[in-house]
Protein backbone atom coordinates (compact mmCIF):
# COMPACT_ATOMS: atom_id res chain seq x y z
CA UNK A 1 7.86 0.88 -28.41
CA UNK A 2 10.77 2.72 -30.07
CA UNK A 3 14.01 1.04 -29.32
CA UNK A 4 17.21 3.05 -29.74
CA UNK A 5 20.86 2.18 -29.23
CA UNK A 6 23.14 4.68 -27.39
CA UNK A 7 26.63 4.56 -26.31
CA UNK A 8 28.21 5.99 -23.24
CA UNK A 9 27.69 9.81 -23.15
CA UNK A 10 25.22 9.73 -25.85
CA UNK A 11 21.68 11.35 -25.48
CA UNK A 12 18.09 10.91 -26.49
CA UNK A 13 15.72 13.90 -26.64
CA UNK A 14 11.99 13.59 -26.01
CA UNK A 15 10.06 16.60 -27.13
CA UNK A 16 11.57 20.05 -26.50
CA UNK A 17 12.16 19.66 -22.86
CA UNK A 18 13.41 16.11 -21.88
CA UNK A 19 16.80 14.84 -22.47
CA UNK A 20 18.02 11.25 -21.47
CA UNK A 21 21.79 10.70 -21.46
CA UNK A 22 23.60 7.29 -20.79
CA UNK A 23 25.91 8.20 -17.98
CA UNK A 24 27.39 4.73 -17.10
CA UNK A 25 27.22 1.03 -18.28
CA UNK A 26 28.38 -1.82 -16.11
CA UNK A 27 27.50 -5.41 -16.92
CA UNK A 28 23.68 -5.56 -17.27
CA UNK A 29 23.11 -2.21 -15.61
CA UNK A 30 22.87 1.16 -17.36
CA UNK A 31 22.83 4.44 -15.44
CA UNK A 32 20.89 7.22 -17.11
CA UNK A 33 20.67 10.92 -16.44
CA UNK A 34 17.48 12.68 -17.07
CA UNK A 35 17.10 16.44 -17.60
CA UNK A 36 13.33 17.57 -17.49
CA UNK A 37 11.57 20.55 -16.19
CA UNK A 38 9.89 20.52 -12.76
CA UNK A 39 6.46 19.96 -14.03
CA UNK A 40 7.43 16.81 -15.79
CA UNK A 41 7.36 13.87 -13.25
CA UNK A 42 10.21 11.31 -13.63
CA UNK A 43 9.95 8.18 -11.56
CA UNK A 44 11.31 4.58 -11.71
CA UNK A 45 8.53 2.20 -12.82
CA UNK A 46 8.32 0.36 -9.45
CA UNK A 47 7.92 3.70 -7.64
CA UNK A 48 5.30 4.98 -10.19
CA UNK A 49 3.22 1.73 -9.67
CA UNK A 50 3.22 2.27 -5.92
CA UNK A 51 2.23 5.84 -6.34
CA UNK A 52 -0.76 4.69 -8.45
CA UNK A 53 -1.71 1.90 -6.08
CA UNK A 54 -1.73 4.58 -3.21
CA UNK A 55 -3.97 6.84 -5.29
CA UNK A 56 -6.38 4.02 -5.81
CA UNK A 57 -6.44 3.25 -2.14
CA UNK A 58 -6.99 6.98 -1.22
CA UNK A 59 -9.86 7.20 -3.75
CA UNK A 60 -11.61 4.31 -1.93
CA UNK A 61 -11.80 6.00 1.50
CA UNK A 62 -15.28 5.91 2.85
CA UNK A 63 -17.35 8.88 3.77
CA UNK A 64 -17.52 7.87 7.34
CA UNK A 65 -13.73 7.95 7.46
CA UNK A 66 -13.52 11.34 6.04
CA UNK A 67 -16.14 12.53 8.46
CA UNK A 68 -14.04 11.16 11.30
CA UNK A 69 -11.03 13.03 10.03
CA UNK A 70 -13.02 16.27 9.90
CA UNK A 71 -14.08 15.70 13.47
CA UNK A 72 -10.47 15.02 14.64
CA UNK A 73 -9.39 18.21 12.97
CA UNK A 74 -11.88 20.01 15.17
CA UNK A 75 -11.09 18.18 18.34
CA UNK A 76 -7.24 18.17 18.10
CA UNK A 77 -6.63 21.61 16.94
CA UNK A 78 -4.04 22.63 19.73
CA UNK A 79 -3.44 26.14 18.34
CA UNK A 80 -7.04 26.90 18.03
CA UNK A 81 -6.30 27.86 14.48
CA UNK A 82 -9.60 28.87 12.62
CA UNK A 83 -8.19 27.80 9.20
CA UNK A 84 -8.19 24.17 10.47
CA UNK A 85 -11.71 24.56 11.96
CA UNK A 86 -13.03 26.08 8.78
CA UNK A 87 -11.42 23.37 6.73
CA UNK A 88 -12.92 20.57 9.00
CA UNK A 89 -16.37 22.05 9.08
CA UNK A 90 -16.39 22.63 5.19
CA UNK A 91 -15.11 19.08 4.71
CA UNK A 92 -17.84 17.79 7.17
CA UNK A 93 -20.60 19.78 5.53
CA UNK A 94 -19.62 18.48 2.04
CA UNK A 95 -19.73 14.94 3.27
CA UNK A 96 -23.29 15.49 4.95
CA UNK A 97 -24.66 16.96 1.84
CA UNK A 98 -23.35 14.08 -0.27
CA UNK A 99 -24.87 11.51 2.25
CA UNK A 100 -28.11 13.18 2.10
CA UNK A 101 -27.89 13.38 -1.80
CA UNK A 102 -27.07 9.63 -1.78
CA UNK A 103 -30.31 8.79 0.15
CA UNK A 104 -32.64 9.92 -2.60
């Protein structure tokens, strides 16, 4: 870990696109400003950890649950939008193929 000392108003540059500036210091709390392009994701660590946990949970969704979601898309499509029906059918077919593949 690189440790740098900065005073109020001073900055740190990371690569060519990210700049971190010390905006305020009060007691043990430091306020930083971050300038980064939109494609660079910037999160507080505790938020980043929650995102990671949610991603892990989402990856563990069962095939049966996905099939139920696909069925609900078909049943609950109030507007009869063919895009939703096509998406649900495609999702359901993919799951069926995967289930058949898993049997062998």
